[in-house]
Every structure is written in structure tokens, then in C-alpha cells.
Amino acid sequence: MQTAQDHSSPLEAAVAYAQLGYAVFPLAPGEKRPHGRLVPHGLKEASREEATITTWWQSCPGCGVGILAPEEVLVLDFDDPTAWEKLKGEYPALGDAPRQRTPKEGYHVFLRLPQGVRLSATVRKLAGVDLRGMGKAYVVAAPTRLADGRGYVWELPLVPPAKLPLIPEALLLKLLPPPPPPPREVVVGSSSPRRLRALLESYAAAVASAPEGTRHNTLIRYAVAAGGLIPHGLSPEEAEEVLVAAAMRAGLPEREARDAVRWGLRVGGGRPLILEDPHPLPPRMRWALNRRARVKGVAHE
């Protein structure tokens, strides 16, 4: 199969993108906005149907091409080329991802998200980078040209979503909400089974009450936090079932919830939470206990 970057015609490119697995729609000639007459509802009308695509571009051969990547595909949109070079220096694997150069010398970089992980397109965690794709935000694609003649060019060709490289895990963690701090009201022994269960139940309560539009990210956040309790003795099986049940009460489908929880627990398991002792000893008493404990080879830090 030929790739979209093999074609100079917008129609040929649009059909090729659709064959790769990306929904497309026409943009107003010379602009980056959806064509108001052909797709009055904008990206909501993005399609992979060849007959629909052909009708659009036969009606307007000069229309540009908009791509709405599926929900498992994240597009990093770099307006500033220096931001791209900086992030590529931190994560060299990004250099192997499909990318196109934009008219402003920025880049669109296509990556795959792990199964069960979704991000908000409104996240602003990286300077000079916007998040696109994920079935929420479109990008302008080659061979689209703007009114001043500048166009979009592929440097590394686009591939089907399943063949995209996974986003580096360390980079993904930067884009996710940070794990919540342990609730202050949970004051049962530093890492006792009772305290771990109390923490898990507090996380589950937050997941179950998350409003629509925040449910998935909330679940990811608390799954990572619960994973940080596993090194302290929390059962991963118990954590999974409790969080999945909470997510389903919030309205998420079980399969989506389970995938997200398993990913979060795995990642969080490698990032143990620091659990402060809710009843710390005064320094003089801790010194006396440590002096006595050193005889037995055990210290109270």
C-alpha cells in the first residue's frame, strides 16, 4: 500500500490516510479550519469512508487535509523547533517516530499510548508543546498548503496506529496528573494493613465520585498512587478489584477501567509512595529507642 506522503493530490493523500487508519476531513483552501460548507460540524464529521472522502475533495479539490487520530494515538504538536530538539535530546526514541514539519518549522510527532491510558488534550505540561490526536484534537496534514504557499511535509512517513512507537514512559508520566498525597485523616500505623486499606478506599471514593470528563484521568492518577502502596504490602489484586469497581460506579466500562488500573498499578509499583508516620516520635525518644535497638541490630529511623 502506498503511503499518504507518496501523493501530491489532497484527495489521494486523504484516502491514503484513511487506509492507514486515520479519519480525515476537508479544510478550507489555504486555511487550517474545517470547510464550513462540506463539514459544518467540523472534526465531528471526520471519516474513513472512501466514498465520503472522494465526494468532499471532488467538490473542493483545493481543500487541505485534516487528520483526527484515533484515541490511542497522541500527536505532539511543536510550534517551536527548539522545543522539539530539546525533548528529542531528553528522549532519543522520539527521533524514530513518524513526524511532519509544519510551515512554522515546527513538528507533529505521532506516538501510541499504552493500552488503557488516555490524556486530556488541554494538558499544558511541556513548554512549546500542545497535545493533539486522541480522537479529540485534529492536526493539519501534508500536502496541505496555506494561503502564503507554505506547506506541511513528512520527514518520517506515517504508519498505522498499531505500528506507531509507544510514548516513552518517563515522558508519559510527565503528562499525567501527579499522584495525590496520602489523605491526612488516615492515621492508622505507618504502613499497617489497616492504613493501606484505608488509603485504597479513599482513592476508590475519589474515583467513584469523579465527574464525567475527568473520570479516566482521575482513575489513572489514583491507580498510580495505589501502585505506590504495593511495595508497602498492598495486594495488587485487591487494589485492582477495588479501583475497577469504583471506576464502574463512576460510569466507565469495565474493560477500559481494568486496562487503566493495571497500567497505573504497574507504573506506581516502581514509584513507592513515601508514607510518613502519622504519629512520629519526639527526637529524644527516637534517639533513646534507636540506642536500645542498635543492640538488637534494629533502628527506628
Foldseek 3Di string as FASTA:
>chain_A
DDALQVDQFQLSSQLRCLVQPWFKAWCDAQDDFGDCPLCVPGPVPTDSDSVSSVVRCVVPRRTFMKTAAAQQKKKKKALDQVLVVVVCVVPVVQVQFKWKQALSRIIIGIAGEAQLDGADQPFDQGPRIGIGHNRPHIDTAPPGHHPVGGGMHIPGTDGRRVPGHHDPPVVVQSRADAADAQDLVQQDFQLDPVSLVVSLVVLLVQLLPDAPPCNSSSLLNHLLQNLLSVVSPDDLVVSLVSNLVSNVNNPDDSVSSNSSNVVSNVNSVVVHDRGDNSDDDDPVVQVVVQVVCVVVPDHDD
